[in-house]
């Protein structure tokens, strides 16, 4: 292996493991060699970071990069570059592509594609279905992040709605089970009622009531019950309601905490009041709900009831999103701005920045058993993000790296900016640009104890 240049980050304000402290960081051969005062020690390259923050690279445990089969919306290559601009250095991608990743053969094709084109580190979920439990049993939890189960239909046809199939998955899955929880029959009934009232011209804001708090709770509570019955490791994705929070504990992450919850940045930022200005651009599943729900989920992030923060980055084209209610797909592009969103939420008092780093960086590493990442520690891979807290970022269409070319934040100014992003010790994003020759990232590895 060719020797990598050594790098010294000087005089940074480091935010890591609940602390803020000034330190130098020495990087050698892709890993963090030393944290502290480096004194007169020399490196091949030195960067003065006075006035800048350094945080671990975010680990996003829920993204949709649309490849294979849906590449008019997004590709692994484009979205992983947008991730780097947003401070996300590792991601876990979902299986509802075309074809879906519900066999080990299809899953490995996605890994091979990422190995050829993704400058961010990567892993992929194996999807559960009504009939593929033997595939799940055969997966290696040291090399696959987990099993994704759609307990509510969202995008695609991966709904697991047979009681026997759910029981089998929760009994036999060898890794963490991540669930999308919404009750499909309740949603279908609400859609029918909305169609009877408005026809095809259902107002965008009705999405909060069609994909209701009750539909979320009915499914989430079922998942929790199944996990308790079978001793499964359950991670409920994108919690959106105050009611669901009663299902989870504020106990710290650890081997004894078998049931965990995630919240997504857009559910922390928007409320149903924003449908009036953004319409179907913020249509997503589960839906963005009331201000009271949003504020309750924010408080749960602060208290530890919500363990993990993610994006659920799910791009569609402008043309697709401009359609009427029943045709406009759910999902929005988010992965280029999650760290800036969290910084501004911290400045607004929703939670501290130290808490945001815990939930978006450390917690995914702990929960999934990611090896050597998620922390600024000696010996760990140098996945780091430098933030300029005094330089605002105005979101414009020409600055977006998404293939879909739009963002719900166009015209908005965040208070800070991502200055640099390092992946495996290499500066891959700097001065607002992805390095043209950025090396590909690495396949994430896990400790294999997620079950």
Protein backbone atom coordinates (compact mmCIF):
# COMPACT_ATOMS: atom_id res chain seq x y z
CA UNK A 1 0.00 0.00 0.00
CA UNK A 2 1.37 3.39 -1.01
CA UNK A 3 2.31 5.60 1.92
CA UNK A 4 -0.19 8.37 2.63
CA UNK A 5 0.95 11.88 3.48
CA UNK A 6 0.76 12.71 7.18
CA UNK A 7 -1.47 15.58 8.23
CA UNK A 8 -1.61 17.82 11.30
CA UNK A 9 -4.79 19.73 12.13
CA UNK A 10 -3.70 22.52 14.43
CA UNK A 11 -5.53 24.36 17.20
CA UNK A 12 -9.05 23.09 16.50
CA UNK A 13 -12.01 23.16 18.85
CA UNK A 14 -12.87 19.48 19.03
CA UNK A 15 -16.37 18.28 19.93
CA UNK A 16 -16.26 14.62 20.88
CA UNK A 17 -17.80 12.28 23.47
CA UNK A 18 -19.60 15.07 25.31
CA UNK A 19 -16.60 17.40 25.57
CA UNK A 20 -15.31 20.54 23.86
CA UNK A 21 -11.59 21.07 23.99
CA UNK A 22 -8.79 22.65 21.99
CA UNK A 23 -6.36 20.20 20.47
CA UNK A 24 -4.17 19.30 17.54
CA UNK A 25 -4.94 16.11 15.62
CA UNK A 26 -2.22 14.12 13.87
CA UNK A 27 -3.31 11.84 11.03
CA UNK A 28 -1.06 9.19 9.58
CA UNK A 29 -1.87 6.38 7.11
CA UNK A 30 -5.54 7.28 7.24
CA UNK A 31 -5.92 6.98 11.01
CA UNK A 32 -5.78 9.33 13.96
CA UNK A 33 -2.37 8.86 15.52
CA UNK A 34 -2.42 11.50 18.22
CA UNK A 35 -4.82 14.00 19.81
CA UNK A 36 -3.42 16.82 21.90
CA UNK A 37 -0.62 19.37 21.77
CA UNK A 38 1.69 18.23 18.98
CA UNK A 39 4.23 20.90 19.85
CA UNK A 40 6.95 21.10 17.20
CA UNK A 41 6.10 17.75 15.61
CA UNK A 42 6.02 18.00 11.84
CA UNK A 43 3.67 16.50 9.27
CA UNK A 44 3.68 16.51 5.48
CA UNK A 45 0.75 18.95 5.54
CA UNK A 46 -0.42 21.24 8.31
CA UNK A 47 -3.73 23.09 8.50
CA UNK A 48 -4.40 25.90 10.97
CA UNK A 49 -7.95 25.48 12.29
CA UNK A 50 -8.14 28.35 14.77
CA UNK A 51 -11.75 29.42 15.04
CA UNK A 52 -13.00 26.18 13.48
CA UNK A 53 -14.79 23.19 14.98
CA UNK A 54 -13.84 19.56 14.34
CA UNK A 55 -16.42 16.81 14.79
CA UNK A 56 -16.48 13.14 13.79
CA UNK A 57 -17.95 12.42 10.39
CA UNK A 58 -21.66 11.74 10.58
CA UNK A 59 -22.80 8.13 10.12
CA UNK A 60 -26.18 8.28 8.37
CA UNK A 61 -28.05 5.04 9.04
CA UNK A 62 -30.89 5.72 6.60
CA UNK A 63 -30.44 6.88 3.01
CA UNK A 64 -31.97 6.05 -0.38
CA UNK A 65 -29.50 6.50 -3.23
CA UNK A 66 -31.86 4.93 -5.81
CA UNK A 67 -29.35 2.65 -7.51
CA UNK A 68 -30.01 0.30 -9.22
CA UNK A 69 -33.10 0.96 -11.29
CA UNK A 70 -34.14 4.46 -10.23
CA UNK A 71 -31.10 6.38 -11.41
CA UNK A 72 -33.07 9.18 -13.02
CA UNK A 73 -33.53 10.37 -9.42
CA UNK A 74 -30.09 9.68 -7.93
CA UNK A 75 -26.99 7.50 -8.08
CA UNK A 76 -24.55 6.22 -5.51
CA UNK A 77 -21.82 8.39 -7.06
CA UNK A 78 -23.78 11.65 -6.97
CA UNK A 79 -25.44 11.26 -3.59
CA UNK A 80 -22.29 10.08 -1.81
CA UNK A 81 -20.59 13.27 -2.99
CA UNK A 82 -23.45 15.35 -1.66
CA UNK A 83 -23.04 13.45 1.62
CA UNK A 84 -19.43 14.58 1.92
CA UNK A 85 -20.46 18.20 1.42
CA UNK A 86 -22.94 17.70 4.25
CA UNK A 87 -20.45 16.21 6.70
CA UNK A 88 -21.64 12.61 6.26
CA UNK A 89 -18.63 10.32 5.87
CA UNK A 90 -20.42 6.95 6.16
CA UNK A 91 -23.89 5.85 5.14
CA UNK A 92 -26.19 2.84 5.30
CA UNK A 93 -28.43 2.56 2.25
CA UNK A 94 -31.90 1.07 2.02
CA UNK A 95 -33.00 -1.93 -0.07
CA UNK A 96 -36.07 -0.54 -1.90
CA UNK A 97 -34.34 -0.14 -5.25
CA UNK A 98 -35.18 -1.88 -8.53
CA UNK A 99 -34.58 -4.75 -8.23
CA UNK A 100 -34.82 -4.62 -4.45
CA UNK A 101 -31.89 -5.83 -2.38
CA UNK A 102 -33.71 -8.80 -0.86
CA UNK A 103 -31.19 -11.49 -1.82
CA UNK A 104 -27.52 -11.71 -0.94
CA UNK A 105 -26.70 -11.71 -4.65
CA UNK A 106 -28.45 -8.38 -5.25
CA UNK A 107 -26.96 -6.96 -2.08
CA UNK A 108 -23.42 -7.75 -3.19
CA UNK A 109 -24.06 -6.02 -6.53
CA UNK A 110 -24.74 -2.82 -4.61
CA UNK A 111 -21.55 -3.24 -2.61
CA UNK A 112 -19.60 -3.74 -5.82
CA UNK A 113 -21.07 -0.57 -7.30
CA UNK A 114 -20.20 1.48 -4.22
CA UNK A 115 -16.68 0.07 -4.22
CA UNK A 116 -16.27 1.52 -7.71
CA UNK A 117 -17.73 4.99 -7.23
CA UNK A 118 -18.54 6.06 -3.64
CA UNK A 119 -16.04 8.45 -2.01
CA UNK A 120 -17.89 8.01 1.30
CA UNK A 121 -17.78 4.83 3.36
CA UNK A 122 -20.79 2.59 2.83
CA UNK A 123 -22.97 -0.27 3.91
CA UNK A 124 -26.30 -1.62 2.65
CA UNK A 125 -29.31 -3.15 4.39
CA UNK A 126 -30.71 -6.49 3.29
CA UNK A 127 -34.47 -6.14 2.87
CA UNK A 128 -36.93 -8.43 4.55
CA UNK A 129 -39.95 -9.75 2.65
CA UNK A 130 -42.85 -12.09 3.25
CA UNK A 131 -40.77 -14.99 1.92
CA UNK A 132 -36.99 -14.46 2.23
CA UNK A 133 -36.13 -15.40 5.78
CA UNK A 134 -33.57 -17.98 4.56
CA UNK A 135 -31.64 -15.14 2.87
CA UNK A 136 -31.67 -13.21 6.15
CA UNK A 137 -30.37 -16.19 8.09
CA UNK A 138 -27.44 -16.51 5.68
CA UNK A 139 -26.23 -12.91 5.94
CA UNK A 140 -22.97 -12.10 7.73
CA UNK A 141 -23.61 -9.44 10.41
CA UNK A 142 -19.95 -8.48 10.39
CA UNK A 143 -20.27 -7.15 6.84
CA UNK A 144 -23.92 -6.08 6.50
CA UNK A 145 -25.38 -3.33 8.68
CA UNK A 146 -28.76 -4.94 9.26
CA UNK A 147 -32.17 -6.06 8.04
CA UNK A 148 -34.73 -3.49 6.86
CA UNK A 149 -38.41 -4.30 7.27
CA UNK A 150 -41.17 -2.14 5.83
CA UNK A 151 -44.02 -2.68 8.28
CA UNK A 152 -45.88 0.04 6.38
CA UNK A 153 -45.83 0.45 2.62
CA UNK A 154 -43.82 3.50 1.60
CA UNK A 155 -42.00 3.38 -1.72
CA UNK A 156 -41.91 0.18 -3.75
CA UNK A 157 -43.53 -3.18 -2.99
CA UNK A 158 -41.55 -4.43 0.01
CA UNK A 159 -44.37 -4.36 2.56
CA UNK A 160 -44.13 -7.25 5.03
CA UNK A 161 -47.75 -7.74 6.05
CA UNK A 162 -48.03 -11.41 6.93
CA UNK A 163 -47.99 -12.13 10.64
CA UNK A 164 -46.07 -15.39 10.19
CA UNK A 165 -43.41 -13.66 8.09
CA UNK A 166 -42.91 -10.92 10.67
CA UNK A 167 -42.65 -13.50 13.46
CA UNK A 168 -40.03 -15.42 11.47
CA UNK A 169 -37.95 -12.32 10.72
CA UNK A 170 -37.97 -11.18 14.35
CA UNK A 171 -37.09 -14.69 15.48
CA UNK A 172 -34.29 -15.44 13.03
CA UNK A 173 -32.65 -12.23 11.75
CA UNK A 174 -28.97 -12.44 12.78
CA UNK A 175 -28.51 -8.66 12.93
CA UNK A 176 -30.30 -5.51 13.98
CA UNK A 177 -33.79 -5.10 12.48
CA UNK A 178 -34.59 -1.56 11.31
CA UNK A 179 -38.27 -0.91 10.70
CA UNK A 180 -40.43 1.56 8.84
CA UNK A 181 -43.56 1.57 10.98
CA UNK A 182 -46.93 2.74 9.66
CA UNK A 183 -50.21 0.80 9.61
CA UNK A 184 -51.14 0.34 5.95
CA UNK A 185 -54.86 -0.48 6.38
CA UNK A 186 -55.34 2.70 8.44
CA UNK A 187 -53.55 4.74 5.79
CA UNK A 188 -55.56 3.21 2.95
CA UNK A 189 -58.80 4.06 4.75
CA UNK A 190 -57.66 7.65 5.30
CA UNK A 191 -56.65 7.96 1.64
CA UNK A 192 -60.06 6.74 0.53
CA UNK A 193 -61.79 9.28 2.79
CA UNK A 194 -59.59 12.10 1.48
CA UNK A 195 -60.25 11.10 -2.12
CA UNK A 196 -64.00 11.08 -1.48
CA UNK A 197 -63.79 14.64 -0.12
CA UNK A 198 -61.28 16.25 -2.50
CA UNK A 199 -61.00 13.89 -5.45
CA UNK A 200 -57.46 13.83 -6.84
CA UNK A 201 -56.72 17.36 -5.58
CA UNK A 202 -55.99 16.49 -1.94
CA UNK A 203 -54.18 19.40 -0.21
CA UNK A 204 -50.55 18.64 0.66
CA UNK A 205 -51.18 19.35 4.34
CA UNK A 206 -53.61 16.46 4.56
CA UNK A 207 -50.63 14.13 4.38
CA UNK A 208 -50.09 14.73 8.12
CA UNK A 209 -53.56 13.30 8.82
CA UNK A 210 -53.58 10.56 6.18
CA UNK A 211 -50.26 9.22 7.49
CA UNK A 212 -51.43 9.86 11.03
CA UNK A 213 -49.95 9.57 14.50
CA UNK A 214 -52.33 6.68 15.16
CA UNK A 215 -51.09 4.78 12.09
CA UNK A 216 -47.50 5.24 13.26
CA UNK A 217 -48.21 4.14 16.83
CA UNK A 218 -50.17 1.05 15.80
CA UNK A 219 -47.24 -0.25 13.78
CA UNK A 220 -44.42 0.89 16.09
CA UNK A 221 -46.08 -0.72 19.10
CA UNK A 222 -46.44 -3.97 17.14
CA UNK A 223 -42.73 -3.91 16.27
CA UNK A 224 -41.77 -3.31 19.90
CA UNK A 225 -44.01 -6.18 21.02
CA UNK A 226 -42.44 -8.54 18.47
CA UNK A 227 -38.93 -7.52 19.49
CA UNK A 228 -39.65 -8.15 23.15
CA UNK A 229 -41.23 -11.50 22.43
CA UNK A 230 -38.29 -12.75 20.37
CA UNK A 231 -35.39 -10.88 21.98
CA UNK A 232 -34.59 -9.13 18.72
CA UNK A 233 -32.49 -5.99 18.38
CA UNK A 234 -35.03 -3.48 17.05
CA UNK A 235 -34.32 0.00 15.71
CA UNK A 236 -37.45 1.95 14.79
CA UNK A 237 -36.65 4.48 12.10
CA UNK A 238 -37.89 8.09 11.69
CA UNK A 239 -40.07 8.59 14.75
CA UNK A 240 -42.46 11.51 14.13
CA UNK A 241 -44.98 11.55 16.97
CA UNK A 242 -45.15 12.36 20.65
CA UNK A 243 -47.30 9.25 21.21
CA UNK A 244 -44.66 6.84 19.93
CA UNK A 245 -42.04 8.16 22.35
CA UNK A 246 -43.70 6.27 25.21
CA UNK A 247 -42.50 3.02 23.59
CA UNK A 248 -38.82 3.85 24.14
CA UNK A 249 -36.39 4.34 27.01
CA UNK A 250 -33.91 7.13 27.75
CA UNK A 251 -31.38 4.56 29.03
CA UNK A 252 -27.94 4.99 27.45
CA UNK A 253 -27.00 2.85 24.48
CA UNK A 254 -25.43 -0.44 25.44
CA UNK A 255 -25.84 -4.21 25.12
CA UNK A 256 -28.88 -4.20 27.42
CA UNK A 257 -30.79 -1.61 25.40
CA UNK A 258 -32.39 -3.84 22.78
CA UNK A 259 -35.02 -1.44 21.43
CA UNK A 260 -33.94 1.93 20.06
CA UNK A 261 -35.36 4.82 18.07
CA UNK A 262 -34.20 7.18 15.35
CA UNK A 263 -35.38 10.64 14.34
CA UNK A 264 -34.67 12.40 11.06
CA UNK A 265 -33.53 15.96 10.59
CA UNK A 266 -36.51 17.08 8.51
CA UNK A 267 -38.94 15.93 11.20
CA UNK A 268 -36.96 18.04 13.68
CA UNK A 269 -36.99 21.07 11.38
CA UNK A 270 -40.37 21.25 9.66
CA UNK A 271 -43.93 21.04 10.97
CA UNK A 272 -47.29 20.74 9.21
CA UNK A 273 -47.40 24.54 8.97
CA UNK A 274 -44.71 24.30 6.27
CA UNK A 275 -46.94 22.42 3.82
CA UNK A 276 -48.53 25.77 2.93
CA UNK A 277 -45.29 27.07 1.41
CA UNK A 278 -43.47 23.86 0.43
CA UNK A 279 -46.34 21.55 -0.53
CA UNK A 280 -45.32 18.13 -1.81
CA UNK A 281 -41.65 19.08 -1.66
CA UNK A 282 -41.82 18.03 2.01
CA UNK A 283 -44.17 15.11 1.47
CA UNK A 284 -42.48 12.11 3.09
CA UNK A 285 -43.32 8.88 4.88
CA UNK A 286 -43.86 8.98 7.80
CA UNK A 287 -45.35 12.43 7.38
CA UNK A 288 -44.22 15.69 8.89
CA UNK A 289 -46.78 16.29 11.61
CA UNK A 290 -47.77 18.94 14.16
CA UNK A 291 -45.53 21.48 15.84
CA UNK A 292 -46.29 19.72 19.14
CA UNK A 293 -45.08 16.40 17.70
CA UNK A 294 -41.96 18.04 16.32
CA UNK A 295 -41.14 19.69 19.63
CA UNK A 296 -41.70 16.44 21.53
CA UNK A 297 -39.28 14.60 19.23
CA UNK A 298 -36.73 17.41 19.67
CA UNK A 299 -37.01 17.02 23.45
CA UNK A 300 -36.59 13.25 23.08
CA UNK A 301 -33.32 13.84 21.22
CA UNK A 302 -32.11 15.89 24.17
CA UNK A 303 -33.23 13.33 26.77
CA UNK A 304 -31.89 10.23 25.00
CA UNK A 305 -35.26 8.65 24.21
CA UNK A 306 -34.26 9.21 20.59
CA UNK A 307 -30.94 7.40 20.21
CA UNK A 308 -29.89 8.19 16.62
CA UNK A 309 -30.26 11.07 14.14
CA UNK A 310 -30.31 10.46 10.39
CA UNK A 311 -31.56 12.01 7.15
CA UNK A 312 -33.73 9.47 5.32
CA UNK A 313 -32.36 11.19 2.21
CA UNK A 314 -34.84 10.16 -0.49
CA UNK A 315 -34.63 12.21 -3.71
CA UNK A 316 -37.20 12.48 -6.48
CA UNK A 317 -37.20 14.78 -9.49
CA UNK A 318 -38.84 18.21 -9.44
CA UNK A 319 -41.32 17.01 -12.04
CA UNK A 320 -42.34 14.02 -9.92
CA UNK A 321 -42.84 16.17 -6.83
CA UNK A 322 -44.92 18.71 -8.77
CA UNK A 323 -47.69 16.18 -9.39
CA UNK A 324 -50.95 15.94 -7.47
CA UNK A 325 -51.22 14.27 -4.07
CA UNK A 326 -51.71 10.67 -5.17
CA UNK A 327 -48.93 10.80 -7.78
CA UNK A 328 -46.31 12.94 -6.03
CA UNK A 329 -43.86 10.47 -4.42
CA UNK A 330 -42.80 10.74 -0.80
CA UNK A 331 -39.25 11.68 0.13
CA UNK A 332 -36.92 14.66 -0.08
CA UNK A 333 -33.20 15.28 -0.61
CA UNK A 334 -31.43 16.14 2.65
CA UNK A 335 -27.95 14.67 2.88
CA UNK A 336 -26.06 17.82 1.85
CA UNK A 337 -27.17 19.80 4.92
CA UNK A 338 -27.80 17.64 8.03
CA UNK A 339 -24.87 18.92 10.07
CA UNK A 340 -25.78 22.54 9.35
CA UNK A 341 -29.39 21.80 10.33
CA UNK A 342 -28.24 20.29 13.62
CA UNK A 343 -25.93 23.22 14.35
CA UNK A 344 -28.79 25.67 13.88
CA UNK A 345 -31.18 23.57 15.95
CA UNK A 346 -28.56 23.58 18.71
CA UNK A 347 -28.23 27.35 18.44
CA UNK A 348 -32.01 27.61 18.75
CA UNK A 349 -31.84 25.62 21.99
CA UNK A 350 -33.46 22.37 20.84
CA UNK A 351 -30.48 20.42 22.21
CA UNK A 352 -26.74 20.97 22.57
CA UNK A 353 -24.25 20.48 19.77
CA UNK A 354 -22.54 17.88 21.94
CA UNK A 355 -25.83 15.97 22.00
CA UNK A 356 -26.19 16.28 18.23
CA UNK A 357 -22.71 14.79 17.78
CA UNK A 358 -23.61 11.97 20.16
CA UNK A 359 -26.78 11.10 18.25
CA UNK A 360 -25.48 11.55 14.68
CA UNK A 361 -21.90 10.26 15.04
CA UNK A 362 -21.26 8.22 18.18
CA UNK A 363 -24.65 6.53 18.56
CA UNK A 364 -24.81 4.95 15.09
CA UNK A 365 -21.31 3.59 15.63
CA UNK A 366 -22.30 2.12 19.00
CA UNK A 367 -25.68 0.80 17.89
CA UNK A 368 -24.50 -0.97 14.75
CA UNK A 369 -21.07 -1.90 16.12
CA UNK A 370 -19.26 0.07 13.41
CA UNK A 371 -15.58 -0.67 13.74
CA UNK A 372 -13.08 2.19 14.03
CA UNK A 373 -15.42 5.08 13.20
CA UNK A 374 -17.84 7.55 14.74
CA UNK A 375 -15.41 8.99 17.30
CA UNK A 376 -12.29 11.14 17.37
CA UNK A 377 -10.04 8.59 19.00
CA UNK A 378 -6.45 7.58 18.55
CA UNK A 379 -6.33 4.52 16.32
CA UNK A 380 -9.68 5.23 14.66
CA UNK A 381 -10.04 6.07 10.98
CA UNK A 382 -9.78 9.81 10.42
CA UNK A 383 -13.35 10.52 9.31
CA UNK A 384 -13.59 14.16 10.35
CA UNK A 385 -15.54 17.29 9.51
CA UNK A 386 -14.26 20.84 9.94
CA UNK A 387 -16.97 23.44 10.52
CA UNK A 388 -16.65 27.20 10.20
CA UNK A 389 -19.20 28.39 12.78
CA UNK A 390 -18.98 32.02 11.62
CA UNK A 391 -19.46 31.52 7.86
CA UNK A 392 -23.09 31.22 6.77
CA UNK A 393 -24.20 28.91 3.96
CA UNK A 394 -26.93 30.07 1.59
CA UNK A 395 -28.53 27.16 -0.26
CA UNK A 396 -28.78 27.70 -4.01
CA UNK A 397 -29.69 25.30 -6.79
CA UNK A 398 -26.31 25.70 -8.47
CA UNK A 399 -24.55 24.65 -5.28
CA UNK A 400 -26.41 21.38 -4.90
CA UNK A 401 -24.69 18.08 -5.67
CA UNK A 402 -27.85 15.96 -5.80
CA UNK A 403 -28.71 14.48 -9.16
CA UNK A 404 -32.30 15.68 -8.67
CA UNK A 405 -31.00 19.26 -8.53
CA UNK A 406 -33.30 20.70 -5.87
CA UNK A 407 -33.64 21.09 -2.11
CA UNK A 408 -36.44 22.21 0.21
CA UNK A 409 -33.86 24.63 1.64
CA UNK A 410 -33.25 26.63 -1.54
CA UNK A 411 -32.98 30.30 -0.53
CA UNK A 412 -32.40 29.47 3.13
CA UNK A 413 -29.20 30.56 4.90
CA UNK A 414 -27.69 28.30 7.55
CA UNK A 415 -25.53 30.03 10.16
CA UNK A 416 -22.41 27.87 9.65
CA UNK A 417 -20.62 26.03 6.86
CA UNK A 418 -18.82 22.76 6.27
CA UNK A 419 -15.23 23.83 5.67
CA UNK A 420 -13.58 20.46 5.01
CA UNK A 421 -14.44 16.78 5.14
CA UNK A 422 -11.89 14.00 5.64
CA UNK A 423 -12.59 10.34 4.84
CA UNK A 424 -10.02 7.76 5.89
CA UNK A 425 -7.51 10.56 6.43
CA UNK A 426 -7.94 12.14 2.99
CA UNK A 427 -9.38 15.63 2.54
CA UNK A 428 -12.14 14.93 0.02
CA UNK A 429 -14.15 18.17 0.35
CA UNK A 430 -12.61 21.63 0.62
CA UNK A 431 -13.44 25.18 -0.52
CA UNK A 432 -16.93 24.10 -1.50
CA UNK A 433 -15.73 21.40 -3.90
CA UNK A 434 -15.37 17.64 -3.92
CA UNK A 435 -11.80 16.64 -4.73
CA UNK A 436 -11.93 15.39 -8.36
CA UNK A 437 -9.62 12.46 -7.62
CA UNK A 438 -11.18 11.59 -4.25
CA UNK A 439 -10.48 7.92 -3.54
CA UNK A 440 -13.36 5.54 -3.01
CA UNK A 441 -14.45 4.95 0.55
CA UNK A 442 -14.42 1.70 2.46
CA UNK A 443 -17.05 -0.92 3.17
CA UNK A 444 -18.07 -0.57 6.78
CA UNK A 445 -17.35 -3.49 9.06
CA UNK A 446 -19.20 -4.35 12.26
CA UNK A 447 -18.49 -6.19 15.47
CA UNK A 448 -21.14 -8.77 14.61
CA UNK A 449 -22.90 -8.51 17.97
CA UNK A 450 -25.89 -6.42 16.90
CA UNK A 451 -28.29 -9.32 17.51
